[in-house]
Amino acid sequence: MPKNERHKMEYETPAGEPHEARQEAETLRAELESQRAVIENYQARLARAEEAVTNAREVSRNNTYRHQRLETLFQNRLTVERDHLRTALAIAHEGKQSFEVTSPEALAYIAKALKIARLMGFSNESSQMADGLEIRETWASIEAEAYPESQENKDAEINVAQLQTLRVSSIHPLDPRLEEVWKRCLVVAQEAGMCGVYEEIAEKIGIPTDYQVEYEGELEVYISGNVTIPVSGSATRHDIVNGNIDYDFDISDYIHELDFSIEDTSIEVTTD
């Protein structure tokens, strides 16, 4: 048999397979289009809710008590719409691989967050965070950018960076594939001593910060009260009179009978 004929036979495809593959592709395309419509609807609703919160905050400056209630109402609505969008995204991307910190989709948000932190005067902390996330090159490019002198120009740059962030990534920050990235950012921000700053910046650009996470730490507890503990054993009379008895009991067995209050806490988020 000629060599070309053998080559043809080796790569022949059953007649039905292209048609089946085409049908499957069309089905998947239709499903994705349907999911995209749902997601876009929730994104639009979320955008309207965010706009409502912003407007409510502006109005509340003129009438604090009355409009604080209005802000709370819209904030609750925003929370509900955010949960709807998160659920829709989770369904749309179920089973898909998670992103890494260095993924373009994640790095687009992180770079803007670091830039905003620098403009807010937290260069050292941002540098530590970049080291912790192992994206030193990204931080170097941010540091190389011109730094505005006046506060007015800094605020303008922050606003520009905030608006740009909404367009730099191809995915929404609530996408479940980014969850592990955001959890790691929380831990690294904590280690860099900028938890509060990170949360403020994350809110500006839509990065979620409230996750179920692991933690560890210490509690300083003040305990007071009286408890009766039964004891028995053998000792000399003099030891009993003088109180020189080594009682064998475990106070933890009776701690529930005592009053206590937590005086201080030292709790940190840990990696899973």
C-alpha atoms as a PDB file:
ATOM      1  CA  MET A   1       0.000   0.000   0.000  1.00  0.00           C
ATOM      2  CA  PRO A   2       1.434   3.476  -0.886  1.00  0.00           C
ATOM      3  CA  LYS A   3       2.640   5.533   2.029  1.00  0.00           C
ATOM      4  CA  ASN A   4       0.091   8.336   1.410  1.00  0.00           C
ATOM      5  CA  GLU A   5      -2.778   5.840   1.469  1.00  0.00           C
ATOM      6  CA  ARG A   6      -1.597   4.423   4.808  1.00  0.00           C
ATOM      7  CA  HIS A   7      -1.472   7.967   6.212  1.00  0.00           C
ATOM      8  CA  LYS A   8      -5.075   8.578   5.144  1.00  0.00           C
ATOM      9  CA  MET A   9      -6.336   5.403   6.797  1.00  0.00           C
ATOM     10  CA  GLU A  10      -4.592   6.170  10.073  1.00  0.00           C
ATOM     11  CA  TYR A  11      -6.327   9.545  10.404  1.00  0.00           C
ATOM     12  CA  GLU A  12      -9.762   8.789   8.993  1.00  0.00           C
ATOM     13  CA  THR A  13     -12.628  10.002  11.212  1.00  0.00           C
ATOM     14  CA  PRO A  14     -16.010   8.245  11.396  1.00  0.00           C
ATOM     15  CA  ALA A  15     -18.634  10.151   9.453  1.00  0.00           C
ATOM     16  CA  GLY A  16     -20.898  10.796  12.452  1.00  0.00           C
ATOM     17  CA  GLU A  17     -18.272  12.318  14.750  1.00  0.00           C
ATOM     18  CA  PRO A  18     -17.976  15.839  13.197  1.00  0.00           C
ATOM     19  CA  HIS A  19     -21.756  16.238  13.287  1.00  0.00           C
ATOM     20  CA  GLU A  20     -21.959  15.137  16.934  1.00  0.00           C
ATOM     21  CA  ALA A  21     -19.051  17.396  17.895  1.00  0.00           C
ATOM     22  CA  ARG A  22     -20.729  20.319  16.110  1.00  0.00           C
ATOM     23  CA  GLN A  23     -23.991  19.667  17.929  1.00  0.00           C
ATOM     24  CA  GLU A  24     -22.204  19.492  21.285  1.00  0.00           C
ATOM     25  CA  ALA A  25     -20.334  22.711  20.556  1.00  0.00           C
ATOM     26  CA  GLU A  26     -23.573  24.483  19.625  1.00  0.00           C
ATOM     27  CA  THR A  27     -25.237  23.226  22.800  1.00  0.00           C
ATOM     28  CA  LEU A  28     -22.333  24.482  24.952  1.00  0.00           C
ATOM     29  CA  ARG A  29     -22.355  27.803  23.117  1.00  0.00           C
ATOM     30  CA  ALA A  30     -26.076  28.206  23.784  1.00  0.00           C
ATOM     31  CA  GLU A  31     -25.591  27.397  27.476  1.00  0.00           C
ATOM     32  CA  LEU A  32     -22.759  29.928  27.773  1.00  0.00           C
ATOM     33  CA  GLU A  33     -24.861  32.593  26.044  1.00  0.00           C
ATOM     34  CA  SER A  34     -27.678  31.902  28.489  1.00  0.00           C
ATOM     35  CA  GLN A  35     -25.319  32.123  31.482  1.00  0.00           C
ATOM     36  CA  ARG A  36     -23.755  35.289  30.096  1.00  0.00           C
ATOM     37  CA  ALA A  37     -27.160  36.964  29.882  1.00  0.00           C
ATOM     38  CA  VAL A  38     -27.898  36.076  33.517  1.00  0.00           C
ATOM     39  CA  ILE A  39     -24.495  37.312  34.687  1.00  0.00           C
ATOM     40  CA  GLU A  40     -24.765  40.553  32.710  1.00  0.00           C
ATOM     41  CA  ASN A  41     -28.189  41.131  34.229  1.00  0.00           C
ATOM     42  CA  TYR A  42     -26.835  40.711  37.762  1.00  0.00           C
ATOM     43  CA  GLN A  43     -23.822  42.896  36.955  1.00  0.00           C
ATOM     44  CA  ALA A  44     -26.151  45.653  35.750  1.00  0.00           C
ATOM     45  CA  ARG A  45     -28.291  45.297  38.865  1.00  0.00           C
ATOM     46  CA  LEU A  46     -25.171  45.383  41.051  1.00  0.00           C
ATOM     47  CA  ALA A  47     -23.952  48.527  39.274  1.00  0.00           C
ATOM     48  CA  ARG A  48     -27.313  50.208  39.890  1.00  0.00           C
ATOM     49  CA  ALA A  49     -27.209  49.190  43.562  1.00  0.00           C
ATOM     50  CA  GLU A  50     -23.673  50.592  43.925  1.00  0.00           C
ATOM     51  CA  GLU A  51     -24.784  53.842  42.316  1.00  0.00           C
ATOM     52  CA  ALA A  52     -27.725  54.012  44.710  1.00  0.00           C
ATOM     53  CA  VAL A  53     -25.397  53.540  47.704  1.00  0.00           C
ATOM     54  CA  THR A  54     -23.090  56.308  46.448  1.00  0.00           C
ATOM     55  CA  ASN A  55     -26.021  58.690  45.917  1.00  0.00           C
ATOM     56  CA  ALA A  56     -27.435  57.858  49.342  1.00  0.00           C
ATOM     57  CA  ARG A  57     -24.086  58.630  50.985  1.00  0.00           C
ATOM     58  CA  GLU A  58     -23.975  62.013  49.271  1.00  0.00           C
ATOM     59  CA  VAL A  59     -27.472  62.950  50.380  1.00  0.00           C
ATOM     60  CA  SER A  60     -26.865  61.730  53.948  1.00  0.00           C
ATOM     61  CA  ARG A  61     -24.366  64.538  54.505  1.00  0.00           C
ATOM     62  CA  ASN A  62     -27.270  66.999  54.535  1.00  0.00           C
ATOM     63  CA  ASN A  63     -29.587  65.010  56.769  1.00  0.00           C
ATOM     64  CA  THR A  64     -27.571  62.495  58.766  1.00  0.00           C
ATOM     65  CA  TYR A  65     -30.205  60.649  60.741  1.00  0.00           C
ATOM     66  CA  ARG A  66     -32.837  60.323  58.032  1.00  0.00           C
ATOM     67  CA  HIS A  67     -30.489  59.336  55.246  1.00  0.00           C
ATOM     68  CA  GLN A  68     -28.401  56.957  57.310  1.00  0.00           C
ATOM     69  CA  ARG A  69     -31.504  54.770  57.379  1.00  0.00           C
ATOM     70  CA  LEU A  70     -31.765  55.126  53.597  1.00  0.00           C
ATOM     71  CA  GLU A  71     -28.110  54.192  53.188  1.00  0.00           C
ATOM     72  CA  THR A  72     -28.624  51.114  55.350  1.00  0.00           C
ATOM     73  CA  LEU A  73     -31.538  50.090  53.155  1.00  0.00           C
ATOM     74  CA  PHE A  74     -29.498  50.396  49.955  1.00  0.00           C
ATOM     75  CA  GLN A  75     -26.487  48.745  51.605  1.00  0.00           C
ATOM     76  CA  ASN A  76     -28.643  45.743  52.415  1.00  0.00           C
ATOM     77  CA  ARG A  77     -29.891  45.732  48.842  1.00  0.00           C
ATOM     78  CA  LEU A  78     -26.298  45.912  47.591  1.00  0.00           C
ATOM     79  CA  THR A  79     -25.416  42.917  49.751  1.00  0.00           C
ATOM     80  CA  VAL A  80     -28.323  40.927  48.326  1.00  0.00           C
ATOM     81  CA  GLU A  81     -27.450  41.820  44.723  1.00  0.00           C
ATOM     82  CA  ARG A  82     -23.786  40.976  45.338  1.00  0.00           C
ATOM     83  CA  ASP A  83     -24.809  37.576  46.685  1.00  0.00           C
ATOM     84  CA  HIS A  84     -26.993  36.999  43.610  1.00  0.00           C
ATOM     85  CA  LEU A  85     -24.099  37.833  41.295  1.00  0.00           C
ATOM     86  CA  ARG A  86     -21.683  35.665  43.273  1.00  0.00           C
ATOM     87  CA  THR A  87     -24.120  32.741  43.024  1.00  0.00           C
ATOM     88  CA  ALA A  88     -24.599  33.245  39.285  1.00  0.00           C
ATOM     89  CA  LEU A  89     -20.836  33.366  38.727  1.00  0.00           C
ATOM     90  CA  ALA A  90     -20.342  30.244  40.834  1.00  0.00           C
ATOM     91  CA  ILE A  91     -22.863  28.355  38.692  1.00  0.00           C
ATOM     92  CA  ALA A  92     -21.368  29.634  35.450  1.00  0.00           C
ATOM     93  CA  HIS A  93     -17.799  28.687  36.398  1.00  0.00           C
ATOM     94  CA  GLU A  94     -18.405  25.577  38.483  1.00  0.00           C
ATOM     95  CA  GLY A  95     -15.558  23.078  38.180  1.00  0.00           C
ATOM     96  CA  LYS A  96     -13.229  25.489  36.393  1.00  0.00           C
ATOM     97  CA  GLN A  97      -9.617  25.952  37.489  1.00  0.00           C
ATOM     98  CA  SER A  98      -8.852  28.698  40.009  1.00  0.00           C
ATOM     99  CA  PHE A  99      -6.640  31.641  39.086  1.00  0.00           C
ATOM    100  CA  GLU A 100      -3.173  32.278  40.530  1.00  0.00           C
ATOM    101  CA  VAL A 101      -1.918  35.604  41.883  1.00  0.00           C
ATOM    102  CA  THR A 102       0.155  36.021  38.725  1.00  0.00           C
ATOM    103  CA  SER A 103      -2.781  35.308  36.414  1.00  0.00           C
ATOM    104  CA  PRO A 104      -3.484  38.386  34.247  1.00  0.00           C
ATOM    105  CA  GLU A 105      -7.089  38.374  35.467  1.00  0.00           C
ATOM    106  CA  ALA A 106      -5.989  38.688  39.116  1.00  0.00           C
ATOM    107  CA  LEU A 107      -2.880  40.800  38.591  1.00  0.00           C
ATOM    108  CA  ALA A 108      -4.951  43.492  36.886  1.00  0.00           C
ATOM    109  CA  TYR A 109      -6.776  44.139  40.170  1.00  0.00           C
ATOM    110  CA  ILE A 110      -3.784  43.659  42.472  1.00  0.00           C
ATOM    111  CA  ALA A 111      -1.599  46.091  40.515  1.00  0.00           C
ATOM    112  CA  LYS A 112      -4.242  48.804  40.733  1.00  0.00           C
ATOM    113  CA  ALA A 113      -4.705  48.149  44.467  1.00  0.00           C
ATOM    114  CA  LEU A 114      -0.947  48.554  45.048  1.00  0.00           C
ATOM    115  CA  LYS A 115      -0.891  51.729  42.960  1.00  0.00           C
ATOM    116  CA  ILE A 116      -3.726  53.244  44.993  1.00  0.00           C
ATOM    117  CA  ALA A 117      -1.996  52.231  48.251  1.00  0.00           C
ATOM    118  CA  ARG A 118       1.189  53.988  47.089  1.00  0.00           C
ATOM    119  CA  LEU A 119      -0.768  57.148  46.251  1.00  0.00           C
ATOM    120  CA  MET A 120      -2.323  56.998  49.729  1.00  0.00           C
ATOM    121  CA  GLY A 121       1.162  57.056  51.259  1.00  0.00           C
ATOM    122  CA  PHE A 122       1.646  53.370  52.009  1.00  0.00           C
ATOM    123  CA  SER A 123       4.645  52.626  49.795  1.00  0.00           C
ATOM    124  CA  ASN A 124       6.546  50.550  52.363  1.00  0.00           C
ATOM    125  CA  GLU A 125       3.521  48.406  53.183  1.00  0.00           C
ATOM    126  CA  SER A 126       2.720  47.982  49.484  1.00  0.00           C
ATOM    127  CA  SER A 127       6.303  46.899  48.843  1.00  0.00           C
ATOM    128  CA  GLN A 128       5.992  44.293  51.611  1.00  0.00           C
ATOM    129  CA  MET A 129       2.735  43.078  50.155  1.00  0.00           C
ATOM    130  CA  ALA A 130       4.271  42.767  46.690  1.00  0.00           C
ATOM    131  CA  ASP A 131       7.095  40.708  48.201  1.00  0.00           C
ATOM    132  CA  GLY A 132       4.609  38.487  50.015  1.00  0.00           C
ATOM    133  CA  LEU A 133       2.654  37.906  46.820  1.00  0.00           C
ATOM    134  CA  GLU A 134       5.911  37.373  44.872  1.00  0.00           C
ATOM    135  CA  ILE A 135       5.115  40.034  42.282  1.00  0.00           C
ATOM    136  CA  ARG A 136       8.192  42.221  42.720  1.00  0.00           C
ATOM    137  CA  GLU A 137       8.386  43.118  39.030  1.00  0.00           C
ATOM    138  CA  THR A 138       4.844  44.481  39.112  1.00  0.00           C
ATOM    139  CA  TRP A 139       5.699  46.675  42.111  1.00  0.00           C
ATOM    140  CA  ALA A 140       8.900  47.883  40.421  1.00  0.00           C
ATOM    141  CA  SER A 141       6.894  49.123  37.431  1.00  0.00           C
ATOM    142  CA  ILE A 142       4.452  50.900  39.773  1.00  0.00           C
ATOM    143  CA  GLU A 143       7.325  52.573  41.670  1.00  0.00           C
ATOM    144  CA  ALA A 144       8.796  53.769  38.380  1.00  0.00           C
ATOM    145  CA  GLU A 145       5.662  55.816  37.656  1.00  0.00           C
ATOM    146  CA  ALA A 146       5.699  59.547  38.382  1.00  0.00           C
ATOM    147  CA  TYR A 147       4.466  60.403  41.881  1.00  0.00           C
ATOM    148  CA  PRO A 148       2.144  63.443  42.108  1.00  0.00           C
ATOM    149  CA  GLU A 149       3.182  66.102  44.612  1.00  0.00           C
ATOM    150  CA  SER A 150      -0.107  67.741  45.579  1.00  0.00           C
ATOM    151  CA  GLN A 151      -2.901  65.971  47.447  1.00  0.00           C
ATOM    152  CA  GLU A 152      -5.346  67.133  44.793  1.00  0.00           C
ATOM    153  CA  ASN A 153      -3.338  65.378  42.072  1.00  0.00           C
ATOM    154  CA  LYS A 154      -3.007  62.265  44.237  1.00  0.00           C
ATOM    155  CA  ASP A 155      -6.774  62.130  44.725  1.00  0.00           C
ATOM    156  CA  ALA A 156      -7.276  62.554  40.982  1.00  0.00           C
ATOM    157  CA  GLU A 157      -4.826  59.710  40.277  1.00  0.00           C
ATOM    158  CA  ILE A 158      -6.629  57.482  42.787  1.00  0.00           C
ATOM    159  CA  ASN A 159      -9.957  58.176  41.081  1.00  0.00           C
ATOM    160  CA  VAL A 160      -8.470  57.398  37.666  1.00  0.00           C
ATOM    161  CA  ALA A 161      -6.917  54.148  38.953  1.00  0.00           C
ATOM    162  CA  GLN A 162     -10.212  53.199  40.571  1.00  0.00           C
ATOM    163  CA  LEU A 163     -12.155  53.735  37.332  1.00  0.00           C
ATOM    164  CA  GLN A 164      -9.518  51.960  35.234  1.00  0.00           C
ATOM    165  CA  THR A 165      -9.646  48.910  37.484  1.00  0.00           C
ATOM    166  CA  LEU A 166     -13.254  48.313  36.498  1.00  0.00           C
ATOM    167  CA  ARG A 167     -12.079  47.858  32.897  1.00  0.00           C
ATOM    168  CA  VAL A 168      -8.641  46.242  33.143  1.00  0.00           C
ATOM    169  CA  SER A 169      -9.704  42.680  33.933  1.00  0.00           C
ATOM    170  CA  SER A 170     -11.817  40.407  31.769  1.00  0.00           C
ATOM    171  CA  ILE A 171     -13.559  38.905  34.812  1.00  0.00           C
ATOM    172  CA  HIS A 172     -15.551  40.218  37.766  1.00  0.00           C
ATOM    173  CA  PRO A 173     -13.754  40.382  41.164  1.00  0.00           C
ATOM    174  CA  LEU A 174     -16.536  38.235  42.673  1.00  0.00           C
ATOM    175  CA  ASP A 175     -15.664  35.390  40.287  1.00  0.00           C
ATOM    176  CA  PRO A 176     -15.177  32.300  42.520  1.00  0.00           C
ATOM    177  CA  ARG A 177     -12.008  31.415  40.604  1.00  0.00           C
ATOM    178  CA  LEU A 178     -10.363  34.418  42.309  1.00  0.00           C
ATOM    179  CA  GLU A 179     -11.362  33.425  45.854  1.00  0.00           C
ATOM    180  CA  GLU A 180      -8.039  31.826  46.816  1.00  0.00           C
ATOM    181  CA  VAL A 181      -6.163  34.859  45.443  1.00  0.00           C
ATOM    182  CA  TRP A 182      -8.192  37.262  47.589  1.00  0.00           C
ATOM    183  CA  LYS A 183      -7.730  35.065  50.667  1.00  0.00           C
ATOM    184  CA  ARG A 184      -3.988  35.102  50.149  1.00  0.00           C
ATOM    185  CA  CYS A 185      -4.057  38.884  49.731  1.00  0.00           C
ATOM    186  CA  LEU A 186      -5.798  39.171  53.117  1.00  0.00           C
ATOM    187  CA  VAL A 187      -3.081  37.138  54.837  1.00  0.00           C
ATOM    188  CA  VAL A 188      -0.239  39.019  53.128  1.00  0.00           C
ATOM    189  CA  ALA A 189      -1.856  42.397  53.931  1.00  0.00           C
ATOM    190  CA  GLN A 190      -2.090  41.314  57.559  1.00  0.00           C
ATOM    191  CA  GLU A 191       1.602  40.377  57.599  1.00  0.00           C
ATOM    192  CA  ALA A 192       2.458  43.747  56.025  1.00  0.00           C
ATOM    193  CA  GLY A 193       0.513  45.551  58.764  1.00  0.00           C
ATOM    194  CA  MET A 194      -1.988  47.099  56.366  1.00  0.00           C
ATOM    195  CA  CYS A 195      -5.240  45.178  56.937  1.00  0.00           C
ATOM    196  CA  GLY A 196      -7.369  48.295  57.340  1.00  0.00           C
ATOM    197  CA  VAL A 197      -5.779  50.034  54.371  1.00  0.00           C
ATOM    198  CA  TYR A 198      -6.138  46.953  52.181  1.00  0.00           C
ATOM    199  CA  GLU A 199      -9.828  46.603  53.033  1.00  0.00           C
ATOM    200  CA  GLU A 200     -10.424  50.276  52.245  1.00  0.00           C
ATOM    201  CA  ILE A 201      -8.683  49.965  48.868  1.00  0.00           C
ATOM    202  CA  ALA A 202     -10.312  46.625  48.097  1.00  0.00           C
ATOM    203  CA  GLU A 203     -13.724  48.214  48.606  1.00  0.00           C
ATOM    204  CA  LYS A 204     -12.823  50.985  46.156  1.00  0.00           C
ATOM    205  CA  ILE A 205     -12.153  48.526  43.340  1.00  0.00           C
ATOM    206  CA  GLY A 206     -14.654  45.808  44.238  1.00  0.00           C
ATOM    207  CA  ILE A 207     -12.330  43.150  45.683  1.00  0.00           C
ATOM    208  CA  PRO A 208     -14.254  41.104  48.305  1.00  0.00           C
ATOM    209  CA  THR A 209     -12.635  40.764  51.733  1.00  0.00           C
ATOM    210  CA  ASP A 210     -15.190  38.812  53.760  1.00  0.00           C
ATOM    211  CA  TYR A 211     -14.482  35.088  53.469  1.00  0.00           C
ATOM    212  CA  GLN A 212     -14.675  32.026  55.673  1.00  0.00           C
ATOM    213  CA  VAL A 213     -11.024  31.701  56.703  1.00  0.00           C
ATOM    214  CA  GLU A 214      -8.854  29.816  59.169  1.00  0.00           C
ATOM    215  CA  TYR A 215      -7.451  31.711  62.145  1.00  0.00           C
ATOM    216  CA  GLU A 216      -5.246  31.218  65.180  1.00  0.00           C
ATOM    217  CA  GLY A 217      -4.155  33.346  68.105  1.00  0.00           C
ATOM    218  CA  GLU A 218      -4.477  33.837  71.843  1.00  0.00           C
ATOM    219  CA  LEU A 219      -7.052  35.088  74.323  1.00  0.00           C
ATOM    220  CA  GLU A 220      -6.157  36.820  77.566  1.00  0.00           C
ATOM    221  CA  VAL A 221      -8.846  35.731  80.021  1.00  0.00           C
ATOM    222  CA  TYR A 222      -9.580  37.059  83.524  1.00  0.00           C
ATOM    223  CA  ILE A 223     -11.182  34.407  85.763  1.00  0.00           C
ATOM    224  CA  SER A 224     -12.837  35.014  89.129  1.00  0.00           C
ATOM    225  CA  GLY A 225     -15.216  33.222  91.490  1.00  0.00           C
ATOM    226  CA  ASN A 226     -15.391  30.373  93.977  1.00  0.00           C
ATOM    227  CA  VAL A 227     -15.896  26.697  93.346  1.00  0.00           C
ATOM    228  CA  THR A 228     -16.006  23.731  95.712  1.00  0.00           C
ATOM    229  CA  ILE A 229     -13.722  20.881  94.662  1.00  0.00           C
ATOM    230  CA  PRO A 230     -13.954  17.522  96.466  1.00  0.00           C
ATOM    231  CA  VAL A 231     -10.534  16.077  97.415  1.00  0.00           C
ATOM    232  CA  SER A 232      -9.302  12.967  99.230  1.00  0.00           C
ATOM    233  CA  GLY A 233      -6.013  11.216  99.920  1.00  0.00           C
ATOM    234  CA  SER A 234      -3.483  10.556 102.672  1.00  0.00           C
ATOM    235  CA  ALA A 235      -1.188  13.021 104.464  1.00  0.00           C
ATOM    236  CA  THR A 236       0.333  13.708 107.891  1.00  0.00           C
ATOM    237  CA  ARG A 237      -1.708  15.670 110.371  1.00  0.00           C
ATOM    238  CA  HIS A 238       0.860  18.486 110.370  1.00  0.00           C
ATOM    239  CA  ASP A 239       0.663  18.752 106.569  1.00  0.00           C
ATOM    240  CA  ILE A 240      -3.119  18.968 106.771  1.00  0.00           C
ATOM    241  CA  VAL A 241      -2.989  21.637 109.505  1.00  0.00           C
ATOM    242  CA  ASN A 242      -0.335  23.662 107.682  1.00  0.00           C
ATOM    243  CA  GLY A 243      -1.929  23.216 104.261  1.00  0.00           C
ATOM    244  CA  ASN A 244       1.107  21.435 102.806  1.00  0.00           C
ATOM    245  CA  ILE A 245      -0.888  19.051 100.665  1.00  0.00           C
ATOM    246  CA  ASP A 246      -0.294  18.592  96.973  1.00  0.00           C
ATOM    247  CA  TYR A 247      -3.881  18.340  95.763  1.00  0.00           C
ATOM    248  CA  ASP A 248      -4.363  16.430  92.555  1.00  0.00           C
ATOM    249  CA  PHE A 249      -7.139  17.998  90.495  1.00  0.00           C
ATOM    250  CA  ASP A 250      -7.628  19.588  87.084  1.00  0.00           C
ATOM    251  CA  ILE A 251      -9.088  23.103  87.266  1.00  0.00           C
ATOM    252  CA  SER A 252     -10.408  22.736  83.701  1.00  0.00           C
ATOM    253  CA  ASP A 253     -12.978  20.293  85.082  1.00  0.00           C
ATOM    254  CA  TYR A 254     -14.514  23.156  87.092  1.00  0.00           C
ATOM    255  CA  ILE A 255     -13.863  26.183  84.880  1.00  0.00           C
ATOM    256  CA  HIS A 256     -17.485  26.217  83.727  1.00  0.00           C
ATOM    257  CA  GLU A 257     -18.534  27.110  87.272  1.00  0.00           C
ATOM    258  CA  LEU A 258     -16.355  30.248  87.369  1.00  0.00           C
ATOM    259  CA  ASP A 259     -16.971  33.743  85.990  1.00  0.00           C
ATOM    260  CA  PHE A 260     -14.626  34.943  83.259  1.00  0.00           C
ATOM    261  CA  SER A 261     -14.241  37.798  80.789  1.00  0.00           C
ATOM    262  CA  ILE A 262     -12.024  38.171  77.736  1.00  0.00           C
ATOM    263  CA  GLU A 263      -9.630  41.045  78.417  1.00  0.00           C
ATOM    264  CA  ASP A 264      -7.675  41.041  75.151  1.00  0.00           C
ATOM    265  CA  THR A 265      -7.393  39.138  71.878  1.00  0.00           C
ATOM    266  CA  SER A 266      -4.604  38.502  69.405  1.00  0.00           C
ATOM    267  CA  ILE A 267      -6.137  36.721  66.415  1.00  0.00           C
ATOM    268  CA  GLU A 268      -4.655  36.398  62.937  1.00  0.00           C
ATOM    269  CA  VAL A 269      -5.957  34.973  59.684  1.00  0.00           C
ATOM    270  CA  THR A 270      -3.925  32.000  58.519  1.00  0.00           C
ATOM    271  CA  THR A 271      -3.636  30.245  55.198  1.00  0.00           C
ATOM    272  CA  ASP A 272      -5.834  27.179  54.724  1.00  0.00           C
END
